[in-house]
Amino acid sequence: MKLTEKTTYRALNTYTKLMRAAESVTYRVHRVLAGPKLTISQFGVLEALYHKGSLCQRDIATKILKSTGNITLVVDNLEKSGLVRRERDCEDRRFLTIHLTESGKKLIATVFADVEASIVSEMGSLTEGEQELLGNLSKKLGMRGGGVPT
């Protein structure tokens, strides 16, 4: 593709609008995390465990698009709060599985319901057709070059 001034302007303008919209919606949706004092990363870990079951840290990192080093710190803090627990594999002690505790299950069930309601509210500004189109375009853009592993 030949880069022209018009092509460059359109791409940069579209990217800026996409990022501003995503940040704005993310900010409004995640305001509900302030009450239970969860970070977005902590919510991501709890949500992944809630919906996928117990996972190793590497799988959690891949699922929520964070580095394994970052996940270690997040899990440390969640463990200190009693929301998750680590369990070493009997055969390979290097391998840790992360589990939700009962407290973690109760918290994420409540918080997820609030986040879910917030997302539905945010997406309500678009028609059903616009939501489908945005979802399809986002997937197409995200998968360019192979996408990010999920």
C-alpha atoms as a PDB file:
ATOM      1  CA  MET A   1       0.000   0.000   0.000  1.00  0.00           C
ATOM      2  CA  LYS A   2       1.299   3.403  -0.956  1.00  0.00           C
ATOM      3  CA  LEU A   3       1.446   5.811   1.978  1.00  0.00           C
ATOM      4  CA  THR A   4      -0.077   9.108   1.056  1.00  0.00           C
ATOM      5  CA  GLU A   5      -0.748  12.054   3.286  1.00  0.00           C
ATOM      6  CA  LYS A   6      -4.466  11.245   3.163  1.00  0.00           C
ATOM      7  CA  THR A   7      -3.887   7.553   4.020  1.00  0.00           C
ATOM      8  CA  THR A   8      -1.621   8.463   6.919  1.00  0.00           C
ATOM      9  CA  TYR A   9      -4.024  11.099   8.271  1.00  0.00           C
ATOM     10  CA  ARG A  10      -7.009   8.728   8.049  1.00  0.00           C
ATOM     11  CA  ALA A  11      -5.123   5.886   9.784  1.00  0.00           C
ATOM     12  CA  LEU A  12      -3.831   8.115  12.598  1.00  0.00           C
ATOM     13  CA  ASN A  13      -7.211   9.790  13.049  1.00  0.00           C
ATOM     14  CA  THR A  14      -9.011   6.439  13.193  1.00  0.00           C
ATOM     15  CA  TYR A  15      -6.454   5.021  15.633  1.00  0.00           C
ATOM     16  CA  THR A  16      -6.775   8.077  17.903  1.00  0.00           C
ATOM     17  CA  LYS A  17     -10.574   7.803  17.939  1.00  0.00           C
ATOM     18  CA  LEU A  18     -10.402   4.052  18.624  1.00  0.00           C
ATOM     19  CA  MET A  19      -7.977   4.465  21.519  1.00  0.00           C
ATOM     20  CA  ARG A  20      -9.871   7.401  23.053  1.00  0.00           C
ATOM     21  CA  ALA A  21     -13.163   5.516  22.846  1.00  0.00           C
ATOM     22  CA  ALA A  22     -11.613   2.372  24.350  1.00  0.00           C
ATOM     23  CA  GLU A  23      -9.964   4.293  27.197  1.00  0.00           C
ATOM     24  CA  SER A  24     -13.127   6.277  27.901  1.00  0.00           C
ATOM     25  CA  VAL A  25     -15.371   3.213  27.991  1.00  0.00           C
ATOM     26  CA  THR A  26     -12.808   1.243  30.031  1.00  0.00           C
ATOM     27  CA  TYR A  27     -12.606   4.066  32.580  1.00  0.00           C
ATOM     28  CA  ARG A  28     -16.382   4.229  32.987  1.00  0.00           C
ATOM     29  CA  VAL A  29     -16.847   0.451  33.092  1.00  0.00           C
ATOM     30  CA  HIS A  30     -14.105  -0.089  35.652  1.00  0.00           C
ATOM     31  CA  ARG A  31     -15.268   2.618  38.066  1.00  0.00           C
ATOM     32  CA  VAL A  32     -17.068  -0.194  39.880  1.00  0.00           C
ATOM     33  CA  LEU A  33     -13.652  -1.592  40.848  1.00  0.00           C
ATOM     34  CA  ALA A  34     -12.994   1.365  43.149  1.00  0.00           C
ATOM     35  CA  GLY A  35     -15.397   0.075  45.835  1.00  0.00           C
ATOM     36  CA  PRO A  36     -13.671  -3.268  46.367  1.00  0.00           C
ATOM     37  CA  LYS A  37     -10.290  -1.585  45.681  1.00  0.00           C
ATOM     38  CA  LEU A  38      -9.348  -3.811  42.750  1.00  0.00           C
ATOM     39  CA  THR A  39      -6.999  -2.822  39.951  1.00  0.00           C
ATOM     40  CA  ILE A  40      -7.936  -3.649  36.364  1.00  0.00           C
ATOM     41  CA  SER A  41      -5.242  -6.356  36.360  1.00  0.00           C
ATOM     42  CA  GLN A  42      -6.563  -7.868  39.595  1.00  0.00           C
ATOM     43  CA  PHE A  43     -10.069  -7.880  38.144  1.00  0.00           C
ATOM     44  CA  GLY A  44      -8.709  -9.548  34.992  1.00  0.00           C
ATOM     45  CA  VAL A  45      -7.060 -12.336  36.994  1.00  0.00           C
ATOM     46  CA  LEU A  46     -10.144 -12.921  39.146  1.00  0.00           C
ATOM     47  CA  GLU A  47     -12.428 -12.858  36.097  1.00  0.00           C
ATOM     48  CA  ALA A  48     -10.235 -15.335  34.191  1.00  0.00           C
ATOM     49  CA  LEU A  49     -10.246 -17.740  37.145  1.00  0.00           C
ATOM     50  CA  TYR A  50     -13.995 -17.246  37.642  1.00  0.00           C
ATOM     51  CA  HIS A  51     -14.855 -18.137  34.059  1.00  0.00           C
ATOM     52  CA  LYS A  52     -12.057 -20.577  33.145  1.00  0.00           C
ATOM     53  CA  GLY A  53     -11.374 -22.271  36.470  1.00  0.00           C
ATOM     54  CA  SER A  54      -7.959 -22.690  38.063  1.00  0.00           C
ATOM     55  CA  LEU A  55      -5.064 -21.728  35.774  1.00  0.00           C
ATOM     56  CA  CYS A  56      -1.293 -21.469  35.864  1.00  0.00           C
ATOM     57  CA  GLN A  57       0.173 -17.961  35.933  1.00  0.00           C
ATOM     58  CA  ARG A  58       1.438 -18.239  32.348  1.00  0.00           C
ATOM     59  CA  ASP A  59      -2.068 -19.039  31.083  1.00  0.00           C
ATOM     60  CA  ILE A  60      -3.539 -16.165  33.088  1.00  0.00           C
ATOM     61  CA  ALA A  61      -0.942 -13.784  31.636  1.00  0.00           C
ATOM     62  CA  THR A  62      -1.778 -14.895  28.100  1.00  0.00           C
ATOM     63  CA  LYS A  63      -5.514 -14.638  28.754  1.00  0.00           C
ATOM     64  CA  ILE A  64      -5.411 -11.057  30.052  1.00  0.00           C
ATOM     65  CA  LEU A  65      -2.549  -9.858  27.818  1.00  0.00           C
ATOM     66  CA  LYS A  66      -0.043  -9.137  30.587  1.00  0.00           C
ATOM     67  CA  SER A  67       3.532 -10.264  31.212  1.00  0.00           C
ATOM     68  CA  THR A  68       4.141 -13.219  33.517  1.00  0.00           C
ATOM     69  CA  GLY A  69       6.211 -10.931  35.762  1.00  0.00           C
ATOM     70  CA  ASN A  70       3.272  -8.569  36.130  1.00  0.00           C
ATOM     71  CA  ILE A  71       0.929 -11.470  36.885  1.00  0.00           C
ATOM     72  CA  THR A  72       3.235 -12.688  39.659  1.00  0.00           C
ATOM     73  CA  LEU A  73       2.903  -9.340  41.445  1.00  0.00           C
ATOM     74  CA  VAL A  74      -0.863  -9.208  40.878  1.00  0.00           C
ATOM     75  CA  VAL A  75      -1.304 -12.751  42.199  1.00  0.00           C
ATOM     76  CA  ASP A  76       0.938 -11.928  45.196  1.00  0.00           C
ATOM     77  CA  ASN A  77      -1.399  -9.077  46.125  1.00  0.00           C
ATOM     78  CA  LEU A  78      -4.559 -11.122  45.539  1.00  0.00           C
ATOM     79  CA  GLU A  79      -3.114 -13.904  47.693  1.00  0.00           C
ATOM     80  CA  LYS A  80      -2.326 -11.433  50.507  1.00  0.00           C
ATOM     81  CA  SER A  81      -5.961 -10.307  50.324  1.00  0.00           C
ATOM     82  CA  GLY A  82      -7.141 -13.915  50.611  1.00  0.00           C
ATOM     83  CA  LEU A  83      -8.830 -13.896  47.192  1.00  0.00           C
ATOM     84  CA  VAL A  84      -6.641 -16.553  45.519  1.00  0.00           C
ATOM     85  CA  ARG A  85      -4.326 -19.325  46.592  1.00  0.00           C
ATOM     86  CA  ARG A  86      -1.354 -20.921  44.873  1.00  0.00           C
ATOM     87  CA  GLU A  87      -0.869 -24.655  44.704  1.00  0.00           C
ATOM     88  CA  ARG A  88       2.382 -26.324  43.638  1.00  0.00           C
ATOM     89  CA  ASP A  89       2.249 -29.309  41.315  1.00  0.00           C
ATOM     90  CA  CYS A  90       3.347 -32.467  43.154  1.00  0.00           C
ATOM     91  CA  GLU A  91       5.417 -33.707  40.224  1.00  0.00           C
ATOM     92  CA  ASP A  92       6.920 -30.412  39.041  1.00  0.00           C
ATOM     93  CA  ARG A  93       7.293 -27.998  41.943  1.00  0.00           C
ATOM     94  CA  ARG A  94       8.087 -25.134  39.540  1.00  0.00           C
ATOM     95  CA  PHE A  95       4.516 -25.301  38.238  1.00  0.00           C
ATOM     96  CA  LEU A  96       1.968 -23.264  40.231  1.00  0.00           C
ATOM     97  CA  THR A  97      -1.782 -23.361  39.763  1.00  0.00           C
ATOM     98  CA  ILE A  98      -3.841 -20.387  40.911  1.00  0.00           C
ATOM     99  CA  HIS A  99      -7.251 -21.044  42.485  1.00  0.00           C
ATOM    100  CA  LEU A 100     -10.004 -18.706  43.624  1.00  0.00           C
ATOM    101  CA  THR A 101     -10.755 -18.877  47.338  1.00  0.00           C
ATOM    102  CA  GLU A 102     -14.352 -18.750  48.575  1.00  0.00           C
ATOM    103  CA  SER A 103     -13.837 -15.048  49.349  1.00  0.00           C
ATOM    104  CA  GLY A 104     -12.494 -14.538  45.835  1.00  0.00           C
ATOM    105  CA  LYS A 105     -15.478 -16.330  44.285  1.00  0.00           C
ATOM    106  CA  LYS A 106     -17.955 -14.219  46.240  1.00  0.00           C
ATOM    107  CA  LEU A 107     -16.180 -10.971  45.383  1.00  0.00           C
ATOM    108  CA  ILE A 108     -15.744 -11.640  41.650  1.00  0.00           C
ATOM    109  CA  ALA A 109     -19.352 -12.844  41.308  1.00  0.00           C
ATOM    110  CA  THR A 110     -20.596  -9.519  42.655  1.00  0.00           C
ATOM    111  CA  VAL A 111     -18.046  -7.315  40.901  1.00  0.00           C
ATOM    112  CA  PHE A 112     -18.427  -9.123  37.586  1.00  0.00           C
ATOM    113  CA  ALA A 113     -22.197  -8.595  37.683  1.00  0.00           C
ATOM    114  CA  ASP A 114     -21.593  -4.856  38.178  1.00  0.00           C
ATOM    115  CA  VAL A 115     -19.006  -4.701  35.376  1.00  0.00           C
ATOM    116  CA  GLU A 116     -21.295  -6.699  33.094  1.00  0.00           C
ATOM    117  CA  ALA A 117     -24.179  -4.277  33.735  1.00  0.00           C
ATOM    118  CA  SER A 118     -21.857  -1.345  33.057  1.00  0.00           C
ATOM    119  CA  ILE A 119     -20.698  -2.868  29.762  1.00  0.00           C
ATOM    120  CA  VAL A 120     -24.289  -3.494  28.652  1.00  0.00           C
ATOM    121  CA  SER A 121     -25.112   0.109  29.516  1.00  0.00           C
ATOM    122  CA  GLU A 122     -22.111   1.453  27.576  1.00  0.00           C
ATOM    123  CA  MET A 123     -22.884  -0.671  24.521  1.00  0.00           C
ATOM    124  CA  GLY A 124     -26.507   0.497  24.720  1.00  0.00           C
ATOM    125  CA  SER A 125     -25.454   3.701  22.990  1.00  0.00           C
ATOM    126  CA  LEU A 126     -25.027   1.591  19.832  1.00  0.00           C
ATOM    127  CA  THR A 127     -27.759  -0.267  17.970  1.00  0.00           C
ATOM    128  CA  GLU A 128     -27.588  -4.063  17.806  1.00  0.00           C
ATOM    129  CA  GLY A 129     -26.299  -3.790  14.234  1.00  0.00           C
ATOM    130  CA  GLU A 130     -23.638  -1.259  15.241  1.00  0.00           C
ATOM    131  CA  GLN A 131     -22.515  -3.540  18.075  1.00  0.00           C
ATOM    132  CA  GLU A 132     -22.192  -6.454  15.633  1.00  0.00           C
ATOM    133  CA  LEU A 133     -20.280  -4.289  13.161  1.00  0.00           C
ATOM    134  CA  LEU A 134     -17.958  -2.908  15.839  1.00  0.00           C
ATOM    135  CA  GLY A 135     -17.329  -6.414  17.154  1.00  0.00           C
ATOM    136  CA  ASN A 136     -16.517  -7.737  13.683  1.00  0.00           C
ATOM    137  CA  LEU A 137     -14.272  -4.790  12.806  1.00  0.00           C
ATOM    138  CA  SER A 138     -12.474  -5.032  16.151  1.00  0.00           C
ATOM    139  CA  LYS A 139     -11.867  -8.746  15.633  1.00  0.00           C
ATOM    140  CA  LYS A 140     -10.586  -8.134  12.108  1.00  0.00           C
ATOM    141  CA  LEU A 141      -8.216  -5.434  13.311  1.00  0.00           C
ATOM    142  CA  GLY A 142      -7.088  -7.485  16.315  1.00  0.00           C
ATOM    143  CA  MET A 143      -6.355 -10.583  14.236  1.00  0.00           C
ATOM    144  CA  ARG A 144      -4.190  -8.745  11.700  1.00  0.00           C
ATOM    145  CA  GLY A 145      -0.782 -10.382  11.669  1.00  0.00           C
ATOM    146  CA  GLY A 146      -1.994 -13.355  13.653  1.00  0.00           C
ATOM    147  CA  GLY A 147      -3.504 -11.459  16.558  1.00  0.00           C
ATOM    148  CA  VAL A 148      -2.711 -12.023  20.195  1.00  0.00           C
ATOM    149  CA  PRO A 149      -2.971 -15.530  21.607  1.00  0.00           C
ATOM    150  CA  THR A 150      -6.073 -16.105  23.740  1.00  0.00           C
END
